[in-house]
PDB file of all heavy atoms in Angstrom:
ATOM      1  N   ALA A   1      -7.720 -10.430   4.438  1.00  0.00           N
ATOM      2  CA  ALA A   1      -6.769  -9.954   3.571  1.00  0.00           C
ATOM      3  C   ALA A   1      -6.281 -11.103   2.674  1.00  0.00           C
ATOM      4  O   ALA A   1      -6.503 -12.329   3.045  1.00  0.00           O
ATOM      5  CB  ALA A   1      -5.598  -9.435   4.317  1.00  0.00           C
ATOM      6  N   MET A   2      -5.625 -10.757   1.606  1.00  0.00           N
ATOM      7  CA  MET A   2      -5.098 -11.733   0.647  1.00  0.00           C
ATOM      8  C   MET A   2      -3.567 -11.380   0.405  1.00  0.00           C
ATOM      9  O   MET A   2      -3.296 -10.157   0.475  1.00  0.00           O
ATOM     10  CB  MET A   2      -5.823 -11.910  -0.524  1.00  0.00           C
ATOM     11  CG  MET A   2      -7.256 -12.403  -0.319  1.00  0.00           C
ATOM     12  SD  MET A   2      -8.200 -12.743  -1.915  1.00  0.00           S
ATOM     13  CE  MET A   2      -7.277 -14.028  -2.699  1.00  0.00           C
ATOM     14  N   ALA A   3      -2.777 -12.249   0.108  1.00  0.00           N
ATOM     15  CA  ALA A   3      -1.350 -11.984  -0.047  1.00  0.00           C
ATOM     16  C   ALA A   3      -0.659 -12.875  -1.143  1.00  0.00           C
ATOM     17  O   ALA A   3      -1.276 -13.833  -1.530  1.00  0.00           O
ATOM     18  CB  ALA A   3      -0.650 -12.126   1.272  1.00  0.00           C
ATOM     19  N   TRP A   4       0.456 -12.424  -1.636  1.00  0.00           N
ATOM     20  CA  TRP A   4       1.346 -13.173  -2.512  1.00  0.00           C
ATOM     21  C   TRP A   4       2.651 -13.458  -1.810  1.00  0.00           C
ATOM     22  O   TRP A   4       3.259 -12.541  -1.219  1.00  0.00           O
ATOM     23  CB  TRP A   4       1.513 -12.491  -3.774  1.00  0.00           C
ATOM     24  CG  TRP A   4       0.304 -12.314  -4.678  1.00  0.00           C
ATOM     25  CD1 TRP A   4      -0.484 -11.354  -4.823  1.00  0.00           C
ATOM     26  CD2 TRP A   4      -0.068 -13.387  -5.609  1.00  0.00           C
ATOM     27  NE1 TRP A   4      -1.470 -11.582  -5.723  1.00  0.00           N
ATOM     28  CE2 TRP A   4      -1.275 -12.889  -6.203  1.00  0.00           C
ATOM     29  CE3 TRP A   4       0.378 -14.673  -5.929  1.00  0.00           C
ATOM     30  CZ2 TRP A   4      -1.923 -13.595  -7.182  1.00  0.00           C
ATOM     31  CZ3 TRP A   4      -0.338 -15.414  -6.909  1.00  0.00           C
ATOM     32  CH2 TRP A   4      -1.498 -14.755  -7.508  1.00  0.00           C
ATOM     33  N   PHE A   5       3.032 -14.737  -1.877  1.00  0.00           N
ATOM     34  CA  PHE A   5       4.362 -15.165  -1.458  1.00  0.00           C
ATOM     35  C   PHE A   5       5.068 -15.847  -2.612  1.00  0.00           C
ATOM     36  O   PHE A   5       4.393 -16.184  -3.606  1.00  0.00           O
ATOM     37  CB  PHE A   5       4.259 -16.175  -0.219  1.00  0.00           C
ATOM     38  CG  PHE A   5       3.865 -15.551   1.042  1.00  0.00           C
ATOM     39  CD1 PHE A   5       2.497 -15.182   1.209  1.00  0.00           C
ATOM     40  CD2 PHE A   5       4.748 -15.265   2.007  1.00  0.00           C
ATOM     41  CE1 PHE A   5       2.082 -14.648   2.451  1.00  0.00           C
ATOM     42  CE2 PHE A   5       4.340 -14.668   3.190  1.00  0.00           C
ATOM     43  CZ  PHE A   5       3.079 -14.351   3.419  1.00  0.00           C
ATOM     44  N   ARG A   6       6.370 -16.106  -2.571  1.00  0.00           N
ATOM     45  CA  ARG A   6       7.082 -16.702  -3.536  1.00  0.00           C
ATOM     46  C   ARG A   6       8.087 -17.604  -2.880  1.00  0.00           C
ATOM     47  O   ARG A   6       8.691 -17.326  -1.838  1.00  0.00           O
ATOM     48  CB  ARG A   6       7.708 -15.845  -4.566  1.00  0.00           C
ATOM     49  CG  ARG A   6       8.800 -14.879  -4.084  1.00  0.00           C
ATOM     50  CD  ARG A   6       9.230 -13.908  -5.076  1.00  0.00           C
ATOM     51  NE  ARG A   6      10.260 -13.005  -4.579  1.00  0.00           N
ATOM     52  CZ  ARG A   6      10.568 -11.910  -5.162  1.00  0.00           C
ATOM     53  NH1 ARG A   6      10.010 -11.547  -6.384  1.00  0.00           N
ATOM     54  NH2 ARG A   6      11.583 -11.069  -4.721  1.00  0.00           N
ATOM     55  N   GLN A   7       8.514 -18.658  -3.562  1.00  0.00           N
ATOM     56  CA  GLN A   7       9.555 -19.660  -3.091  1.00  0.00           C
ATOM     57  C   GLN A   7      10.466 -20.019  -4.241  1.00  0.00           C
ATOM     58  O   GLN A   7       9.916 -20.637  -5.227  1.00  0.00           O
ATOM     59  CB  GLN A   7       9.003 -20.852  -2.352  1.00  0.00           C
ATOM     60  CG  GLN A   7       9.973 -21.686  -1.674  1.00  0.00           C
ATOM     61  CD  GLN A   7       9.331 -22.625  -0.754  1.00  0.00           C
ATOM     62  OE1 GLN A   7       8.148 -22.952  -0.872  1.00  0.00           O
ATOM     63  NE2 GLN A   7      10.147 -23.096   0.145  1.00  0.00           N
ATOM     64  N   ALA A   8      11.705 -19.697  -4.161  1.00  0.00           N
ATOM     65  CA  ALA A   8      12.712 -19.956  -5.186  1.00  0.00           C
ATOM     66  C   ALA A   8      13.303 -21.340  -4.752  1.00  0.00           C
ATOM     67  O   ALA A   8      13.291 -21.662  -3.589  1.00  0.00           O
ATOM     68  CB  ALA A   8      13.666 -18.918  -5.376  1.00  0.00           C
ATOM     69  N   PRO A   9      13.859 -22.061  -5.687  1.00  0.00           N
ATOM     70  CA  PRO A   9      14.562 -23.314  -5.329  1.00  0.00           C
ATOM     71  C   PRO A   9      15.611 -23.111  -4.344  1.00  0.00           C
ATOM     72  O   PRO A   9      16.494 -22.195  -4.486  1.00  0.00           O
ATOM     73  CB  PRO A   9      15.124 -23.832  -6.695  1.00  0.00           C
ATOM     74  CG  PRO A   9      14.266 -23.208  -7.723  1.00  0.00           C
ATOM     75  CD  PRO A   9      13.958 -21.808  -7.187  1.00  0.00           C
ATOM     76  N   GLY A  10      15.614 -23.862  -3.256  1.00  0.00           N
ATOM     77  CA  GLY A  10      16.584 -23.824  -2.239  1.00  0.00           C
ATOM     78  C   GLY A  10      16.427 -22.676  -1.229  1.00  0.00           C
ATOM     79  O   GLY A  10      17.278 -22.530  -0.327  1.00  0.00           O
ATOM     80  N   LYS A  11      15.365 -21.898  -1.318  1.00  0.00           N
ATOM     81  CA  LYS A  11      15.137 -20.781  -0.395  1.00  0.00           C
ATOM     82  C   LYS A  11      13.752 -20.972   0.304  1.00  0.00           C
ATOM     83  O   LYS A  11      12.885 -21.703  -0.133  1.00  0.00           O
ATOM     84  CB  LYS A  11      15.120 -19.515  -1.204  1.00  0.00           C
ATOM     85  CG  LYS A  11      16.533 -19.164  -1.888  1.00  0.00           C
ATOM     86  CD  LYS A  11      16.400 -17.836  -2.584  1.00  0.00           C
ATOM     87  CE  LYS A  11      17.822 -17.533  -3.084  1.00  0.00           C
ATOM     88  NZ  LYS A  11      17.711 -16.135  -3.781  1.00  0.00           N
ATOM     89  N   GLU A  12      13.672 -20.252   1.363  1.00  0.00           N
ATOM     90  CA  GLU A  12      12.360 -20.285   2.123  1.00  0.00           C
ATOM     91  C   GLU A  12      11.350 -19.433   1.394  1.00  0.00           C
ATOM     92  O   GLU A  12      11.535 -18.476   0.623  1.00  0.00           O
ATOM     93  CB  GLU A  12      12.580 -19.677   3.500  1.00  0.00           C
ATOM     94  CG  GLU A  12      13.625 -20.526   4.394  1.00  0.00           C
ATOM     95  CD  GLU A  12      13.697 -19.969   5.813  1.00  0.00           C
ATOM     96  OE1 GLU A  12      13.249 -18.853   6.044  1.00  0.00           O
ATOM     97  OE2 GLU A  12      14.384 -20.642   6.576  1.00  0.00           O
ATOM     98  N   ARG A  13      10.079 -19.617   1.716  1.00  0.00           N
ATOM     99  CA  ARG A  13       8.952 -18.850   1.262  1.00  0.00           C
ATOM    100  C   ARG A  13       9.016 -17.399   1.759  1.00  0.00           C
ATOM    101  O   ARG A  13       9.172 -17.278   2.966  1.00  0.00           O
ATOM    102  CB  ARG A  13       7.677 -19.519   1.485  1.00  0.00           C
ATOM    103  CG  ARG A  13       6.477 -18.941   0.861  1.00  0.00           C
ATOM    104  CD  ARG A  13       5.170 -19.770   1.056  1.00  0.00           C
ATOM    105  NE  ARG A  13       5.422 -21.155   0.385  1.00  0.00           N
ATOM    106  CZ  ARG A  13       4.522 -22.059   0.393  1.00  0.00           C
ATOM    107  NH1 ARG A  13       3.306 -21.889   0.804  1.00  0.00           N
ATOM    108  NH2 ARG A  13       4.697 -23.188  -0.214  1.00  0.00           N
ATOM    109  N   GLU A  14       8.964 -16.574   0.856  1.00  0.00           N
ATOM    110  CA  GLU A  14       9.045 -15.148   1.290  1.00  0.00           C
ATOM    111  C   GLU A  14       7.839 -14.280   0.874  1.00  0.00           C
ATOM    112  O   GLU A  14       7.186 -14.518  -0.154  1.00  0.00           O
ATOM    113  CB  GLU A  14      10.282 -14.537   0.726  1.00  0.00           C
ATOM    114  CG  GLU A  14      10.352 -14.318  -0.795  1.00  0.00           C
ATOM    115  CD  GLU A  14      11.617 -13.573  -1.289  1.00  0.00           C
ATOM    116  OE1 GLU A  14      12.287 -12.905  -0.460  1.00  0.00           O
ATOM    117  OE2 GLU A  14      11.942 -13.636  -2.439  1.00  0.00           O
ATOM    118  N   PHE A  15       7.556 -13.267   1.697  1.00  0.00           N
ATOM    119  CA  PHE A  15       6.507 -12.378   1.410  1.00  0.00           C
ATOM    120  C   PHE A  15       6.713 -11.433   0.234  1.00  0.00           C
ATOM    121  O   PHE A  15       7.855 -11.055   0.064  1.00  0.00           O
ATOM    122  CB  PHE A  15       6.230 -11.528   2.734  1.00  0.00           C
ATOM    123  CG  PHE A  15       5.257 -10.475   2.521  1.00  0.00           C
ATOM    124  CD1 PHE A  15       3.930 -10.703   2.561  1.00  0.00           C
ATOM    125  CD2 PHE A  15       5.726  -9.190   2.397  1.00  0.00           C
ATOM    126  CE1 PHE A  15       3.034  -9.736   2.421  1.00  0.00           C
ATOM    127  CE2 PHE A  15       4.769  -8.123   2.235  1.00  0.00           C
ATOM    128  CZ  PHE A  15       3.421  -8.402   2.256  1.00  0.00           C
ATOM    129  N   VAL A  16       5.676 -11.305  -0.552  1.00  0.00           N
ATOM    130  CA  VAL A  16       5.765 -10.341  -1.664  1.00  0.00           C
ATOM    131  C   VAL A  16       4.944  -9.171  -1.540  1.00  0.00           C
ATOM    132  O   VAL A  16       5.382  -8.001  -1.546  1.00  0.00           O
ATOM    133  CB  VAL A  16       5.396 -11.116  -2.981  1.00  0.00           C
ATOM    134  CG1 VAL A  16       5.412 -10.118  -4.224  1.00  0.00           C
ATOM    135  CG2 VAL A  16       6.357 -12.244  -3.218  1.00  0.00           C
ATOM    136  N   ALA A  17       3.621  -9.408  -1.307  1.00  0.00           N
ATOM    137  CA  ALA A  17       2.726  -8.307  -1.158  1.00  0.00           C
ATOM    138  C   ALA A  17       1.387  -8.794  -0.529  1.00  0.00           C
ATOM    139  O   ALA A  17       1.066  -9.933  -0.586  1.00  0.00           O
ATOM    140  CB  ALA A  17       2.399  -7.617  -2.489  1.00  0.00           C
ATOM    141  N   SER A  18       0.593  -7.890   0.090  1.00  0.00           N
ATOM    142  CA  SER A  18      -0.650  -8.203   0.710  1.00  0.00           C
ATOM    143  C   SER A  18      -1.653  -6.964   0.442  1.00  0.00           C
ATOM    144  O   SER A  18      -1.201  -5.821   0.241  1.00  0.00           O
ATOM    145  CB  SER A  18      -0.563  -8.593   2.134  1.00  0.00           C
ATOM    146  OG  SER A  18      -0.050  -7.432   2.893  1.00  0.00           O
ATOM    147  N   ILE A  19      -2.931  -7.406   0.602  1.00  0.00           N
ATOM    148  CA  ILE A  19      -3.954  -6.395   0.472  1.00  0.00           C
ATOM    149  C   ILE A  19      -5.096  -6.672   1.240  1.00  0.00           C
ATOM    150  O   ILE A  19      -5.548  -7.859   1.450  1.00  0.00           O
ATOM    151  CB  ILE A  19      -4.359  -6.249  -1.079  1.00  0.00           C
ATOM    152  CG1 ILE A  19      -5.283  -5.079  -1.387  1.00  0.00           C
ATOM    153  CG2 ILE A  19      -4.957  -7.602  -1.627  1.00  0.00           C
ATOM    154  CD1 ILE A  19      -5.554  -4.790  -2.840  1.00  0.00           C
ATOM    155  N   SER A  20      -5.686  -5.752   1.844  1.00  0.00           N
ATOM    156  CA  SER A  20      -6.910  -5.934   2.619  1.00  0.00           C
ATOM    157  C   SER A  20      -8.049  -6.365   1.793  1.00  0.00           C
ATOM    158  O   SER A  20      -8.049  -6.132   0.551  1.00  0.00           O
ATOM    159  CB  SER A  20      -7.271  -4.685   3.387  1.00  0.00           C
ATOM    160  OG  SER A  20      -7.634  -3.636   2.448  1.00  0.00           O
ATOM    161  N   TRP A  21      -9.053  -7.076   2.358  1.00  0.00           N
ATOM    162  CA  TRP A  21     -10.127  -7.566   1.578  1.00  0.00           C
ATOM    163  C   TRP A  21     -10.862  -6.463   0.826  1.00  0.00           C
ATOM    164  O   TRP A  21     -11.383  -6.562  -0.216  1.00  0.00           O
ATOM    165  CB  TRP A  21     -11.090  -8.353   2.435  1.00  0.00           C
ATOM    166  CG  TRP A  21     -12.195  -9.070   1.706  1.00  0.00           C
ATOM    167  CD1 TRP A  21     -13.473  -8.828   1.689  1.00  0.00           C
ATOM    168  CD2 TRP A  21     -12.005 -10.175   0.775  1.00  0.00           C
ATOM    169  NE1 TRP A  21     -14.302  -9.697   0.890  1.00  0.00           N
ATOM    170  CE2 TRP A  21     -13.277 -10.445   0.312  1.00  0.00           C
ATOM    171  CE3 TRP A  21     -10.890 -10.858   0.338  1.00  0.00           C
ATOM    172  CZ2 TRP A  21     -13.447 -11.565  -0.600  1.00  0.00           C
ATOM    173  CZ3 TRP A  21     -11.068 -11.865  -0.577  1.00  0.00           C
ATOM    174  CH2 TRP A  21     -12.358 -12.243  -1.011  1.00  0.00           C
ATOM    175  N   SER A  22     -10.968  -5.251   1.493  1.00  0.00           N
ATOM    176  CA  SER A  22     -11.673  -4.112   0.907  1.00  0.00           C
ATOM    177  C   SER A  22     -10.787  -3.519  -0.249  1.00  0.00           C
ATOM    178  O   SER A  22     -11.336  -2.656  -1.067  1.00  0.00           O
ATOM    179  CB  SER A  22     -12.033  -3.039   1.987  1.00  0.00           C
ATOM    180  OG  SER A  22     -10.814  -2.532   2.453  1.00  0.00           O
ATOM    181  N   GLY A  23      -9.439  -3.772  -0.313  1.00  0.00           N
ATOM    182  CA  GLY A  23      -8.689  -3.185  -1.166  1.00  0.00           C
ATOM    183  C   GLY A  23      -8.100  -1.817  -0.790  1.00  0.00           C
ATOM    184  O   GLY A  23      -7.386  -1.233  -1.530  1.00  0.00           O
ATOM    185  N   GLY A  24      -8.389  -1.361   0.400  1.00  0.00           N
ATOM    186  CA  GLY A  24      -8.060  -0.076   0.812  1.00  0.00           C
ATOM    187  C   GLY A  24      -6.570   0.046   1.408  1.00  0.00           C
ATOM    188  O   GLY A  24      -6.142   1.178   1.431  1.00  0.00           O
ATOM    189  N   SER A  25      -5.997  -1.052   1.725  1.00  0.00           N
ATOM    190  CA  SER A  25      -4.650  -1.076   2.195  1.00  0.00           C
ATOM    191  C   SER A  25      -3.795  -2.039   1.522  1.00  0.00           C
ATOM    192  O   SER A  25      -4.196  -3.154   1.323  1.00  0.00           O
ATOM    193  CB  SER A  25      -4.637  -1.332   3.712  1.00  0.00           C
ATOM    194  OG  SER A  25      -5.396  -0.297   4.468  1.00  0.00           O
ATOM    195  N   THR A  26      -2.497  -1.711   1.296  1.00  0.00           N
ATOM    196  CA  THR A  26      -1.510  -2.674   0.637  1.00  0.00           C
ATOM    197  C   THR A  26      -0.263  -2.605   1.382  1.00  0.00           C
ATOM    198  O   THR A  26       0.076  -1.685   2.103  1.00  0.00           O
ATOM    199  CB  THR A  26      -1.294  -2.330  -0.754  1.00  0.00           C
ATOM    200  OG1 THR A  26      -0.771  -1.014  -0.916  1.00  0.00           O
ATOM    201  CG2 THR A  26      -2.647  -2.468  -1.612  1.00  0.00           C
ATOM    202  N   ASN A  27       0.486  -3.767   1.238  1.00  0.00           N
ATOM    203  CA  ASN A  27       1.734  -3.893   1.942  1.00  0.00           C
ATOM    204  C   ASN A  27       2.659  -4.614   0.949  1.00  0.00           C
ATOM    205  O   ASN A  27       2.357  -5.579   0.278  1.00  0.00           O
ATOM    206  CB  ASN A  27       1.610  -4.598   3.238  1.00  0.00           C
ATOM    207  CG  ASN A  27       2.899  -4.651   4.014  1.00  0.00           C
ATOM    208  OD1 ASN A  27       3.723  -3.702   3.903  1.00  0.00           O
ATOM    209  ND2 ASN A  27       3.099  -5.611   4.862  1.00  0.00           N
ATOM    210  N   TYR A  28       3.919  -4.176   0.761  1.00  0.00           N
ATOM    211  CA  TYR A  28       4.888  -4.701  -0.128  1.00  0.00           C
ATOM    212  C   TYR A  28       6.220  -4.975   0.535  1.00  0.00           C
ATOM    213  O   TYR A  28       6.708  -4.295   1.443  1.00  0.00           O
ATOM    214  CB  TYR A  28       5.128  -3.856  -1.308  1.00  0.00           C
ATOM    215  CG  TYR A  28       3.992  -3.493  -2.181  1.00  0.00           C
ATOM    216  CD1 TYR A  28       3.170  -2.478  -1.906  1.00  0.00           C
ATOM    217  CD2 TYR A  28       3.771  -4.265  -3.298  1.00  0.00           C
ATOM    218  CE1 TYR A  28       2.086  -2.148  -2.795  1.00  0.00           C
ATOM    219  CE2 TYR A  28       2.657  -4.037  -4.040  1.00  0.00           C
ATOM    220  CZ  TYR A  28       1.893  -2.982  -3.821  1.00  0.00           C
ATOM    221  OH  TYR A  28       0.788  -2.802  -4.684  1.00  0.00           O
ATOM    222  N   ALA A  29       6.878  -6.096   0.130  1.00  0.00           N
ATOM    223  CA  ALA A  29       8.256  -6.356   0.392  1.00  0.00           C
ATOM    224  C   ALA A  29       9.117  -5.267  -0.164  1.00  0.00           C
ATOM    225  O   ALA A  29       8.803  -4.806  -1.209  1.00  0.00           O
ATOM    226  CB  ALA A  29       8.721  -7.660  -0.050  1.00  0.00           C
ATOM    227  N   ASP A  30      10.163  -4.790   0.539  1.00  0.00           N
ATOM    228  CA  ASP A  30      11.003  -3.841   0.103  1.00  0.00           C
ATOM    229  C   ASP A  30      11.647  -4.131  -1.281  1.00  0.00           C
ATOM    230  O   ASP A  30      11.789  -3.243  -2.098  1.00  0.00           O
ATOM    231  CB  ASP A  30      12.075  -3.505   1.071  1.00  0.00           C
ATOM    232  CG  ASP A  30      11.637  -2.808   2.323  1.00  0.00           C
ATOM    233  OD1 ASP A  30      10.591  -2.169   2.340  1.00  0.00           O
ATOM    234  OD2 ASP A  30      12.337  -2.901   3.384  1.00  0.00           O
ATOM    235  N   SER A  31      11.808  -5.348  -1.460  1.00  0.00           N
ATOM    236  CA  SER A  31      12.472  -5.827  -2.760  1.00  0.00           C
ATOM    237  C   SER A  31      11.628  -5.606  -4.010  1.00  0.00           C
ATOM    238  O   SER A  31      12.178  -5.587  -5.182  1.00  0.00           O
ATOM    239  CB  SER A  31      12.934  -7.248  -2.571  1.00  0.00           C
ATOM    240  OG  SER A  31      11.843  -8.023  -2.409  1.00  0.00           O
ATOM    241  N   VAL A  32      10.315  -5.412  -3.783  1.00  0.00           N
ATOM    242  CA  VAL A  32       9.425  -5.365  -4.979  1.00  0.00           C
ATOM    243  C   VAL A  32       8.710  -3.969  -5.148  1.00  0.00           C
ATOM    244  O   VAL A  32       7.940  -3.761  -6.004  1.00  0.00           O
ATOM    245  CB  VAL A  32       8.392  -6.467  -4.982  1.00  0.00           C
ATOM    246  CG1 VAL A  32       9.119  -7.795  -4.978  1.00  0.00           C
ATOM    247  CG2 VAL A  32       7.511  -6.358  -3.841  1.00  0.00           C
TER     248      VAL A  32
END
C-alpha cells in the first residue's frame, strides 16, 4: 500500500489517505 500524511508546524504527523497497491481499496481521514 501507499499513503499520504501531512505535518503542519507545531503538530504531529497525521494520516490523510491510503490506497492498496492494486488500487482496489482506499482509506481516508474523516477530515478530508
